[in-house]
């Protein structure tokens, strides 16, 4: 039996038709959510830069021992800061993309 349907074949029959050229399928963020994510990314950088500066200048003996070498406390908190920088950057970039897309629409 021959297929007489007019629909073009798709790469995966269970997924439906392909998206049109120039359009991307995906999540659409509201303008409010986009601004919140962007603000969160900026806030995260501000807070953690301040924290790392204070960690580096620590004189209480938590971050550096008597010989001036970094302690476990220093390394754990530096790892937390780096992780927060990365997450803040990713979240902020999502927000920035959402804000740009909302302005184009």
PDB file of N, CA and C in Angstrom:
ATOM      1  N   UNK A   1       0.827  -1.176   0.000  1.00  0.00           N
ATOM      2  CA  UNK A   1       0.000   0.000   0.000  1.00  0.00           C
ATOM      3  C   UNK A   1       0.880   1.251   0.000  1.00  0.00           C
ATOM      4  N   UNK A   2       0.461   2.226  -0.720  1.00  0.00           N
ATOM      5  CA  UNK A   2       1.236   3.440  -0.894  1.00  0.00           C
ATOM      6  C   UNK A   2       0.748   4.535   0.045  1.00  0.00           C
ATOM      7  N   UNK A   3       1.697   5.347   0.603  1.00  0.00           N
ATOM      8  CA  UNK A   3       1.337   6.455   1.490  1.00  0.00           C
ATOM      9  C   UNK A   3       0.907   7.645   0.638  1.00  0.00           C
ATOM     10  N   UNK A   4      -0.343   8.042   0.789  1.00  0.00           N
ATOM     11  CA  UNK A   4      -0.862   9.162  -0.003  1.00  0.00           C
ATOM     12  C   UNK A   4      -1.058  10.425   0.820  1.00  0.00           C
ATOM     13  N   UNK A   5      -0.527  10.458   2.028  1.00  0.00           N
ATOM     14  CA  UNK A   5      -0.687  11.654   2.864  1.00  0.00           C
ATOM     15  C   UNK A   5       0.144  12.800   2.303  1.00  0.00           C
ATOM     16  N   UNK A   6      -0.286  14.014   2.588  1.00  0.00           N
ATOM     17  CA  UNK A   6       0.412  15.195   2.069  1.00  0.00           C
ATOM     18  C   UNK A   6       1.424  15.757   3.048  1.00  0.00           C
ATOM     19  N   UNK A   7       1.467  15.231   4.242  1.00  0.00           N
ATOM     20  CA  UNK A   7       2.415  15.732   5.244  1.00  0.00           C
ATOM     21  C   UNK A   7       3.819  15.292   4.881  1.00  0.00           C
ATOM     22  N   UNK A   8       4.811  16.200   5.006  1.00  0.00           N
ATOM     23  CA  UNK A   8       6.184  15.809   4.709  1.00  0.00           C
ATOM     24  C   UNK A   8       6.687  14.833   5.767  1.00  0.00           C
ATOM     25  N   UNK A   9       7.578  13.935   5.392  1.00  0.00           N
ATOM     26  CA  UNK A   9       8.108  12.988   6.374  1.00  0.00           C
ATOM     27  C   UNK A   9       8.948  13.715   7.418  1.00  0.00           C
ATOM     28  N   UNK A  10       8.931  13.214   8.631  1.00  0.00           N
ATOM     29  CA  UNK A  10       9.726  13.792   9.716  1.00  0.00           C
ATOM     30  C   UNK A  10      10.824  12.821  10.092  1.00  0.00           C
ATOM     31  N   UNK A  11      11.830  13.334  10.764  1.00  0.00           N
ATOM     32  CA  UNK A  11      12.945  12.500  11.184  1.00  0.00           C
ATOM     33  C   UNK A  11      12.485  11.465  12.202  1.00  0.00           C
ATOM     34  N   UNK A  12      11.588  11.836  13.075  1.00  0.00           N
ATOM     35  CA  UNK A  12      11.056  10.936  14.091  1.00  0.00           C
ATOM     36  C   UNK A  12       9.540  10.984  13.999  1.00  0.00           C
ATOM     37  N   UNK A  13       8.906   9.924  13.520  1.00  0.00           N
ATOM     38  CA  UNK A  13       7.475   9.968  13.287  1.00  0.00           C
ATOM     39  C   UNK A  13       6.650  10.323  14.522  1.00  0.00           C
ATOM     40  N   UNK A  14       7.137  10.063  15.694  1.00  0.00           N
ATOM     41  CA  UNK A  14       6.377  10.339  16.907  1.00  0.00           C
ATOM     42  C   UNK A  14       6.459  11.784  17.367  1.00  0.00           C
ATOM     43  N   UNK A  15       7.297  12.591  16.738  1.00  0.00           N
ATOM     44  CA  UNK A  15       7.541  13.949  17.214  1.00  0.00           C
ATOM     45  C   UNK A  15       6.766  15.021  16.463  1.00  0.00           C
ATOM     46  N   UNK A  16       6.075  14.689  15.402  1.00  0.00           N
ATOM     47  CA  UNK A  16       5.309  15.693  14.678  1.00  0.00           C
ATOM     48  C   UNK A  16       6.166  16.403  13.650  1.00  0.00           C
ATOM     49  N   UNK A  17       5.614  17.454  13.027  1.00  0.00           N
ATOM     50  CA  UNK A  17       6.347  18.152  11.961  1.00  0.00           C
ATOM     51  C   UNK A  17       7.545  18.909  12.517  1.00  0.00           C
ATOM     52  N   UNK A  18       8.491  19.126  11.637  1.00  0.00           N
ATOM     53  CA  UNK A  18       9.694  19.879  11.990  1.00  0.00           C
ATOM     54  C   UNK A  18       9.341  21.351  12.191  1.00  0.00           C
ATOM     55  N   UNK A  19      10.038  22.064  13.085  1.00  0.00           N
ATOM     56  CA  UNK A  19       9.794  23.504  13.223  1.00  0.00           C
ATOM     57  C   UNK A  19      10.206  24.235  11.955  1.00  0.00           C
ATOM     58  N   UNK A  20       9.532  25.341  11.674  1.00  0.00           N
ATOM     59  CA  UNK A  20       9.857  26.124  10.482  1.00  0.00           C
ATOM     60  C   UNK A  20      11.251  26.715  10.582  1.00  0.00           C
ATOM     61  N   UNK A  21      11.840  26.955   9.436  1.00  0.00           N
ATOM     62  CA  UNK A  21      13.184  27.528   9.394  1.00  0.00           C
ATOM     63  C   UNK A  21      13.173  28.898  10.064  1.00  0.00           C
ATOM     64  N   UNK A  22      14.185  29.168  10.864  1.00  0.00           N
ATOM     65  CA  UNK A  22      14.298  30.464  11.518  1.00  0.00           C
ATOM     66  C   UNK A  22      13.597  30.534  12.862  1.00  0.00           C
ATOM     67  N   UNK A  23      12.828  29.539  13.211  1.00  0.00           N
ATOM     68  CA  UNK A  23      12.134  29.546  14.509  1.00  0.00           C
ATOM     69  C   UNK A  23      12.680  28.415  15.354  1.00  0.00           C
ATOM     70  N   UNK A  24      12.865  28.694  16.610  1.00  0.00           N
ATOM     71  CA  UNK A  24      13.332  27.675  17.535  1.00  0.00           C
ATOM     72  C   UNK A  24      12.218  27.329  18.495  1.00  0.00           C
ATOM     73  N   UNK A  25      12.039  26.068  18.716  1.00  0.00           N
ATOM     74  CA  UNK A  25      11.067  25.634  19.714  1.00  0.00           C
ATOM     75  C   UNK A  25      11.741  25.685  21.073  1.00  0.00           C
ATOM     76  N   UNK A  26      11.009  25.991  22.107  1.00  0.00           N
ATOM     77  CA  UNK A  26      11.601  26.009  23.428  1.00  0.00           C
ATOM     78  C   UNK A  26      10.763  26.782  24.411  1.00  0.00           C
ATOM     79  N   UNK A  27      11.342  27.018  25.550  1.00  0.00           N
ATOM     80  CA  UNK A  27      10.689  27.715  26.636  1.00  0.00           C
ATOM     81  C   UNK A  27      10.652  29.211  26.356  1.00  0.00           C
ATOM     82  N   UNK A  28       9.537  29.835  26.664  1.00  0.00           N
ATOM     83  CA  UNK A  28       9.398  31.284  26.531  1.00  0.00           C
ATOM     84  C   UNK A  28       9.238  31.862  27.932  1.00  0.00           C
ATOM     85  N   UNK A  29      10.144  32.754  28.296  1.00  0.00           N
ATOM     86  CA  UNK A  29      10.104  33.376  29.619  1.00  0.00           C
ATOM     87  C   UNK A  29       9.303  34.670  29.555  1.00  0.00           C
ATOM     88  N   UNK A  30       8.595  34.948  30.638  1.00  0.00           N
ATOM     89  CA  UNK A  30       7.900  36.227  30.708  1.00  0.00           C
ATOM     90  C   UNK A  30       8.928  37.337  30.920  1.00  0.00           C
ATOM     91  N   UNK A  31       8.517  38.550  30.639  1.00  0.00           N
ATOM     92  CA  UNK A  31       9.400  39.700  30.826  1.00  0.00           C
ATOM     93  C   UNK A  31       9.800  39.826  32.303  1.00  0.00           C
ATOM     94  N   UNK A  32       8.844  39.621  33.175  1.00  0.00           N
ATOM     95  CA  UNK A  32       9.097  39.721  34.620  1.00  0.00           C
ATOM     96  C   UNK A  32      10.100  38.667  35.084  1.00  0.00           C
ATOM     97  N   UNK A  33       9.920  37.436  34.624  1.00  0.00           N
ATOM     98  CA  UNK A  33      10.832  36.356  35.000  1.00  0.00           C
ATOM     99  C   UNK A  33      12.227  36.619  34.447  1.00  0.00           C
ATOM    100  N   UNK A  34      12.301  37.097  33.217  1.00  0.00           N
ATOM    101  CA  UNK A  34      13.597  37.394  32.606  1.00  0.00           C
ATOM    102  C   UNK A  34      14.361  38.447  33.403  1.00  0.00           C
ATOM    103  N   UNK A  35      13.665  39.522  33.795  1.00  0.00           N
ATOM    104  CA  UNK A  35      14.319  40.568  34.593  1.00  0.00           C
ATOM    105  C   UNK A  35      14.749  40.027  35.956  1.00  0.00           C
ATOM    106  N   UNK A  36      13.929  39.157  36.555  1.00  0.00           N
ATOM    107  CA  UNK A  36      14.291  38.562  37.848  1.00  0.00           C
ATOM    108  C   UNK A  36      15.560  37.723  37.722  1.00  0.00           C
ATOM    109  N   UNK A  37      15.634  36.888  36.687  1.00  0.00           N
ATOM    110  CA  UNK A  37      16.818  36.049  36.495  1.00  0.00           C
ATOM    111  C   UNK A  37      18.065  36.896  36.241  1.00  0.00           C
ATOM    112  N   UNK A  38      17.920  37.948  35.456  1.00  0.00           N
ATOM    113  CA  UNK A  38      19.046  38.839  35.203  1.00  0.00           C
ATOM    114  C   UNK A  38      19.501  39.522  36.496  1.00  0.00           C
ATOM    115  N   UNK A  39      18.549  40.011  37.277  1.00  0.00           N
ATOM    116  CA  UNK A  39      18.884  40.657  38.555  1.00  0.00           C
ATOM    117  C   UNK A  39      19.536  39.663  39.510  1.00  0.00           C
ATOM    118  N   UNK A  40      19.056  38.430  39.526  1.00  0.00           N
ATOM    119  CA  UNK A  40      19.653  37.403  40.389  1.00  0.00           C
ATOM    120  C   UNK A  40      21.101  37.155  40.011  1.00  0.00           C
ATOM    121  N   UNK A  41      21.382  37.084  38.709  1.00  0.00           N
ATOM    122  CA  UNK A  41      22.762  36.871  38.258  1.00  0.00           C
ATOM    123  C   UNK A  41      23.686  37.997  38.682  1.00  0.00           C
ATOM    124  N   UNK A  42      23.225  39.233  38.531  1.00  0.00           N
ATOM    125  CA  UNK A  42      24.030  40.397  38.943  1.00  0.00           C
ATOM    126  C   UNK A  42      24.225  40.390  40.452  1.00  0.00           C
ATOM    127  N   UNK A  43      23.149  40.134  41.191  1.00  0.00           N
ATOM    128  CA  UNK A  43      23.216  40.095  42.655  1.00  0.00           C
ATOM    129  C   UNK A  43      24.183  39.012  43.121  1.00  0.00           C
ATOM    130  N   UNK A  44      24.138  37.857  42.495  1.00  0.00           N
ATOM    131  CA  UNK A  44      25.025  36.755  42.870  1.00  0.00           C
ATOM    132  C   UNK A  44      26.484  37.166  42.711  1.00  0.00           C
ATOM    133  N   UNK A  45      26.821  37.803  41.610  1.00  0.00           N
ATOM    134  CA  UNK A  45      28.198  38.259  41.419  1.00  0.00           C
ATOM    135  C   UNK A  45      28.588  39.287  42.474  1.00  0.00           C
ATOM    136  N   UNK A  46      27.717  40.235  42.749  1.00  0.00           N
ATOM    137  CA  UNK A  46      28.014  41.267  43.745  1.00  0.00           C
ATOM    138  C   UNK A  46      28.288  40.644  45.120  1.00  0.00           C
ATOM    139  N   UNK A  47      27.406  39.756  45.550  1.00  0.00           N
ATOM    140  CA  UNK A  47      27.533  39.140  46.880  1.00  0.00           C
ATOM    141  C   UNK A  47      28.788  38.289  46.976  1.00  0.00           C
ATOM    142  N   UNK A  48      29.034  37.450  45.972  1.00  0.00           N
ATOM    143  CA  UNK A  48      30.162  36.518  46.093  1.00  0.00           C
ATOM    144  C   UNK A  48      31.505  37.190  45.860  1.00  0.00           C
ATOM    145  N   UNK A  49      31.562  38.258  45.078  1.00  0.00           N
ATOM    146  CA  UNK A  49      32.826  38.998  44.961  1.00  0.00           C
ATOM    147  C   UNK A  49      33.169  39.619  46.312  1.00  0.00           C
ATOM    148  N   UNK A  50      32.166  40.190  46.965  1.00  0.00           N
ATOM    149  CA  UNK A  50      32.381  40.757  48.296  1.00  0.00           C
ATOM    150  C   UNK A  50      32.838  39.680  49.271  1.00  0.00           C
ATOM    151  N   UNK A  51      32.209  38.510  49.206  1.00  0.00           N
ATOM    152  CA  UNK A  51      32.575  37.416  50.111  1.00  0.00           C
ATOM    153  C   UNK A  51      34.017  36.966  49.885  1.00  0.00           C
ATOM    154  N   UNK A  52      34.420  36.809  48.627  1.00  0.00           N
ATOM    155  CA  UNK A  52      35.789  36.352  48.331  1.00  0.00           C
ATOM    156  C   UNK A  52      36.811  37.387  48.788  1.00  0.00           C
ATOM    157  N   UNK A  53      36.504  38.670  48.599  1.00  0.00           N
ATOM    158  CA  UNK A  53      37.418  39.719  49.099  1.00  0.00           C
ATOM    159  C   UNK A  53      37.584  39.611  50.607  1.00  0.00           C
ATOM    160  N   UNK A  54      36.474  39.421  51.310  1.00  0.00           N
ATOM    161  CA  UNK A  54      36.537  39.300  52.768  1.00  0.00           C
ATOM    162  C   UNK A  54      37.231  38.011  53.189  1.00  0.00           C
ATOM    163  N   UNK A  55      37.038  36.943  52.457  1.00  0.00           N
ATOM    164  CA  UNK A  55      37.703  35.677  52.747  1.00  0.00           C
ATOM    165  C   UNK A  55      39.212  35.830  52.580  1.00  0.00           C
ATOM    166  N   UNK A  56      39.602  36.529  51.518  1.00  0.00           N
ATOM    167  CA  UNK A  56      41.029  36.715  51.237  1.00  0.00           C
ATOM    168  C   UNK A  56      41.707  37.552  52.316  1.00  0.00           C
ATOM    169  N   UNK A  57      40.983  38.513  52.898  1.00  0.00           N
ATOM    170  CA  UNK A  57      41.553  39.401  53.924  1.00  0.00           C
ATOM    171  C   UNK A  57      41.347  38.873  55.341  1.00  0.00           C
ATOM    172  N   UNK A  58      40.853  37.636  55.481  1.00  0.00           N
ATOM    173  CA  UNK A  58      40.518  37.077  56.790  1.00  0.00           C
ATOM    174  C   UNK A  58      41.735  37.063  57.715  1.00  0.00           C
ATOM    175  N   UNK A  59      41.553  37.613  58.900  1.00  0.00           N
ATOM    176  CA  UNK A  59      42.640  37.616  59.891  1.00  0.00           C
ATOM    177  C   UNK A  59      42.242  36.863  61.150  1.00  0.00           C
ATOM    178  N   UNK A  60      41.090  36.192  61.110  1.00  0.00           N
ATOM    179  CA  UNK A  60      40.625  35.479  62.307  1.00  0.00           C
ATOM    180  C   UNK A  60      41.283  34.115  62.477  1.00  0.00           C
ATOM    181  N   UNK A  61      41.967  33.637  61.454  1.00  0.00           N
ATOM    182  CA  UNK A  61      42.597  32.331  61.548  1.00  0.00           C
ATOM    183  C   UNK A  61      41.766  31.218  60.935  1.00  0.00           C
ATOM    184  N   UNK A  62      40.588  31.541  60.433  1.00  0.00           N
ATOM    185  CA  UNK A  62      39.759  30.512  59.807  1.00  0.00           C
ATOM    186  C   UNK A  62      40.244  30.180  58.396  1.00  0.00           C
ATOM    187  N   UNK A  63      40.522  31.191  57.594  1.00  0.00           N
ATOM    188  CA  UNK A  63      40.884  30.975  56.200  1.00  0.00           C
ATOM    189  C   UNK A  63      42.367  30.652  56.020  1.00  0.00           C
ATOM    190  N   UNK A  64      43.206  31.197  56.887  1.00  0.00           N
ATOM    191  CA  UNK A  64      44.645  30.975  56.778  1.00  0.00           C
ATOM    192  C   UNK A  64      45.200  30.600  58.143  1.00  0.00           C
ATOM    193  N   UNK A  65      46.140  29.655  58.157  1.00  0.00           N
ATOM    194  CA  UNK A  65      46.744  29.260  59.434  1.00  0.00           C
ATOM    195  C   UNK A  65      47.841  30.257  59.817  1.00  0.00           C
ATOM    196  N   UNK A  66      48.540  29.963  60.902  1.00  0.00           N
ATOM    197  CA  UNK A  66      49.569  30.881  61.399  1.00  0.00           C
ATOM    198  C   UNK A  66      50.713  31.084  60.406  1.00  0.00           C
ATOM    199  N   UNK A  67      50.957  30.085  59.570  1.00  0.00           N
ATOM    200  CA  UNK A  67      52.032  30.196  58.584  1.00  0.00           C
ATOM    201  C   UNK A  67      51.572  30.944  57.327  1.00  0.00           C
ATOM    202  N   UNK A  68      50.286  31.274  57.251  1.00  0.00           N
ATOM    203  CA  UNK A  68      49.761  31.995  56.094  1.00  0.00           C
ATOM    204  C   UNK A  68      49.256  31.080  54.986  1.00  0.00           C
ATOM    205  N   UNK A  69      49.216  29.782  55.266  1.00  0.00           N
ATOM    206  CA  UNK A  69      48.727  28.834  54.264  1.00  0.00           C
ATOM    207  C   UNK A  69      47.206  28.722  54.348  1.00  0.00           C
ATOM    208  N   UNK A  70      46.535  28.526  53.192  1.00  0.00           N
ATOM    209  CA  UNK A  70      45.076  28.386  53.194  1.00  0.00           C
ATOM    210  C   UNK A  70      44.645  27.117  53.934  1.00  0.00           C
ATOM    211  N   UNK A  71      43.538  27.230  54.642  1.00  0.00           N
ATOM    212  CA  UNK A  71      42.986  26.092  55.384  1.00  0.00           C
ATOM    213  C   UNK A  71      41.867  25.436  54.588  1.00  0.00           C
ATOM    214  N   UNK A  72      41.326  24.358  55.148  1.00  0.00           N
ATOM    215  CA  UNK A  72      40.193  23.696  54.523  1.00  0.00           C
ATOM    216  C   UNK A  72      38.996  24.627  54.408  1.00  0.00           C
ATOM    217  N   UNK A  73      38.802  25.454  55.418  1.00  0.00           N
ATOM    218  CA  UNK A  73      37.716  26.444  55.409  1.00  0.00           C
ATOM    219  C   UNK A  73      37.823  27.352  54.183  1.00  0.00           C
ATOM    220  N   UNK A  74      39.042  27.803  53.900  1.00  0.00           N
ATOM    221  CA  UNK A  74      39.277  28.670  52.742  1.00  0.00           C
ATOM    222  C   UNK A  74      38.912  27.950  51.445  1.00  0.00           C
ATOM    223  N   UNK A  75      39.402  26.723  51.262  1.00  0.00           N
ATOM    224  CA  UNK A  75      39.191  25.999  50.008  1.00  0.00           C
ATOM    225  C   UNK A  75      37.720  25.660  49.788  1.00  0.00           C
ATOM    226  N   UNK A  76      37.024  25.249  50.846  1.00  0.00           N
ATOM    227  CA  UNK A  76      35.599  24.926  50.723  1.00  0.00           C
ATOM    228  C   UNK A  76      34.806  26.173  50.330  1.00  0.00           C
ATOM    229  N   UNK A  77      35.093  27.291  50.992  1.00  0.00           N
ATOM    230  CA  UNK A  77      34.341  28.519  50.697  1.00  0.00           C
ATOM    231  C   UNK A  77      34.723  29.118  49.345  1.00  0.00           C
ATOM    232  N   UNK A  78      35.949  28.922  48.917  1.00  0.00           N
ATOM    233  CA  UNK A  78      36.338  29.350  47.578  1.00  0.00           C
ATOM    234  C   UNK A  78      35.603  28.502  46.529  1.00  0.00           C
ATOM    235  N   UNK A  79      35.473  27.198  46.772  1.00  0.00           N
ATOM    236  CA  UNK A  79      34.726  26.323  45.872  1.00  0.00           C
ATOM    237  C   UNK A  79      33.247  26.723  45.813  1.00  0.00           C
ATOM    238  N   UNK A  80      32.677  27.064  46.966  1.00  0.00           N
ATOM    239  CA  UNK A  80      31.291  27.547  46.988  1.00  0.00           C
ATOM    240  C   UNK A  80      31.145  28.832  46.181  1.00  0.00           C
ATOM    241  N   UNK A  81      32.098  29.726  46.315  1.00  0.00           N
ATOM    242  CA  UNK A  81      32.044  30.997  45.583  1.00  0.00           C
ATOM    243  C   UNK A  81      32.157  30.761  44.083  1.00  0.00           C
ATOM    244  N   UNK A  82      33.071  29.901  43.663  1.00  0.00           N
ATOM    245  CA  UNK A  82      33.240  29.624  42.240  1.00  0.00           C
ATOM    246  C   UNK A  82      31.967  28.997  41.669  1.00  0.00           C
ATOM    247  N   UNK A  83      31.376  28.051  42.401  1.00  0.00           N
ATOM    248  CA  UNK A  83      30.125  27.432  41.976  1.00  0.00           C
ATOM    249  C   UNK A  83      29.028  28.479  41.856  1.00  0.00           C
ATOM    250  N   UNK A  84      28.952  29.380  42.803  1.00  0.00           N
ATOM    251  CA  UNK A  84      27.938  30.434  42.764  1.00  0.00           C
ATOM    252  C   UNK A  84      28.183  31.410  41.622  1.00  0.00           C
ATOM    253  N   UNK A  85      29.450  31.702  41.303  1.00  0.00           N
ATOM    254  CA  UNK A  85      29.763  32.540  40.152  1.00  0.00           C
ATOM    255  C   UNK A  85      29.256  31.880  38.865  1.00  0.00           C
ATOM    256  N   UNK A  86      29.510  30.589  38.733  1.00  0.00           N
ATOM    257  CA  UNK A  86      29.090  29.869  37.526  1.00  0.00           C
ATOM    258  C   UNK A  86      27.570  29.813  37.405  1.00  0.00           C
ATOM    259  N   UNK A  87      26.894  29.476  38.500  1.00  0.00           N
ATOM    260  CA  UNK A  87      25.429  29.418  38.474  1.00  0.00           C
ATOM    261  C   UNK A  87      24.823  30.800  38.262  1.00  0.00           C
ATOM    262  N   UNK A  88      25.374  31.801  38.938  1.00  0.00           N
ATOM    263  CA  UNK A  88      24.887  33.170  38.760  1.00  0.00           C
ATOM    264  C   UNK A  88      25.056  33.644  37.328  1.00  0.00           C
ATOM    265  N   UNK A  89      26.171  33.272  36.714  1.00  0.00           N
ATOM    266  CA  UNK A  89      26.411  33.641  35.321  1.00  0.00           C
ATOM    267  C   UNK A  89      25.398  32.961  34.405  1.00  0.00           C
ATOM    268  N   UNK A  90      25.191  31.664  34.598  1.00  0.00           N
ATOM    269  CA  UNK A  90      24.248  30.924  33.761  1.00  0.00           C
ATOM    270  C   UNK A  90      22.826  31.470  33.911  1.00  0.00           C
ATOM    271  N   UNK A  91      22.412  31.708  35.140  1.00  0.00           N
ATOM    272  CA  UNK A  91      21.067  32.230  35.391  1.00  0.00           C
ATOM    273  C   UNK A  91      20.928  33.639  34.824  1.00  0.00           C
ATOM    274  N   UNK A  92      21.942  34.466  35.020  1.00  0.00           N
ATOM    275  CA  UNK A  92      21.912  35.822  34.483  1.00  0.00           C
ATOM    276  C   UNK A  92      21.860  35.845  32.961  1.00  0.00           C
ATOM    277  N   UNK A  93      22.585  34.926  32.311  1.00  0.00           N
ATOM    278  CA  UNK A  93      22.553  34.863  30.853  1.00  0.00           C
ATOM    279  C   UNK A  93      21.185  34.412  30.339  1.00  0.00           C
ATOM    280  N   UNK A  94      20.546  33.494  31.052  1.00  0.00           N
ATOM    281  CA  UNK A  94      19.180  33.111  30.687  1.00  0.00           C
ATOM    282  C   UNK A  94      18.252  34.318  30.765  1.00  0.00           C
ATOM    283  N   UNK A  95      18.388  35.079  31.846  1.00  0.00           N
ATOM    284  CA  UNK A  95      17.579  36.281  31.996  1.00  0.00           C
ATOM    285  C   UNK A  95      17.857  37.300  30.909  1.00  0.00           C
ATOM    286  N   UNK A  96      19.122  37.491  30.571  1.00  0.00           N
ATOM    287  CA  UNK A  96      19.499  38.438  29.526  1.00  0.00           C
ATOM    288  C   UNK A  96      18.910  38.024  28.174  1.00  0.00           C
ATOM    289  N   UNK A  97      18.980  36.745  27.866  1.00  0.00           N
ATOM    290  CA  UNK A  97      18.390  36.255  26.613  1.00  0.00           C
ATOM    291  C   UNK A  97      16.885  36.476  26.604  1.00  0.00           C
ATOM    292  N   UNK A  98      16.235  36.260  27.757  1.00  0.00           N
ATOM    293  CA  UNK A  98      14.800  36.482  27.850  1.00  0.00           C
ATOM    294  C   UNK A  98      14.428  37.937  27.675  1.00  0.00           C
ATOM    295  N   UNK A  99      15.202  38.833  28.272  1.00  0.00           N
ATOM    296  CA  UNK A  99      14.952  40.281  28.142  1.00  0.00           C
ATOM    297  C   UNK A  99      15.127  40.712  26.687  1.00  0.00           C
ATOM    298  N   UNK A 100      16.179  40.240  26.052  1.00  0.00           N
ATOM    299  CA  UNK A 100      16.416  40.581  24.640  1.00  0.00           C
ATOM    300  C   UNK A 100      15.285  40.057  23.751  1.00  0.00           C
ATOM    301  N   UNK A 101      14.846  38.833  24.009  1.00  0.00           N
ATOM    302  CA  UNK A 101      13.772  38.256  23.201  1.00  0.00           C
ATOM    303  C   UNK A 101      12.472  39.023  23.420  1.00  0.00           C
ATOM    304  N   UNK A 102      12.214  39.467  24.651  1.00  0.00           N
ATOM    305  CA  UNK A 102      10.995  40.221  24.934  1.00  0.00           C
ATOM    306  C   UNK A 102      11.025  41.581  24.239  1.00  0.00           C
ATOM    307  N   UNK A 103      12.185  42.177  24.121  1.00  0.00           N
ATOM    308  CA  UNK A 103      12.296  43.477  23.443  1.00  0.00           C
ATOM    309  C   UNK A 103      12.090  43.340  21.937  1.00  0.00           C
ATOM    310  N   UNK A 104      12.526  42.208  21.364  1.00  0.00           N
ATOM    311  CA  UNK A 104      12.348  41.978  19.934  1.00  0.00           C
ATOM    312  C   UNK A 104      10.894  41.699  19.583  1.00  0.00           C
ATOM    313  N   UNK A 105      10.167  41.102  20.523  1.00  0.00           N
ATOM    314  CA  UNK A 105       8.767  40.711  20.244  1.00  0.00           C
ATOM    315  C   UNK A 105       7.830  41.883  20.278  1.00  0.00           C
TER     316      UNK A 105
END
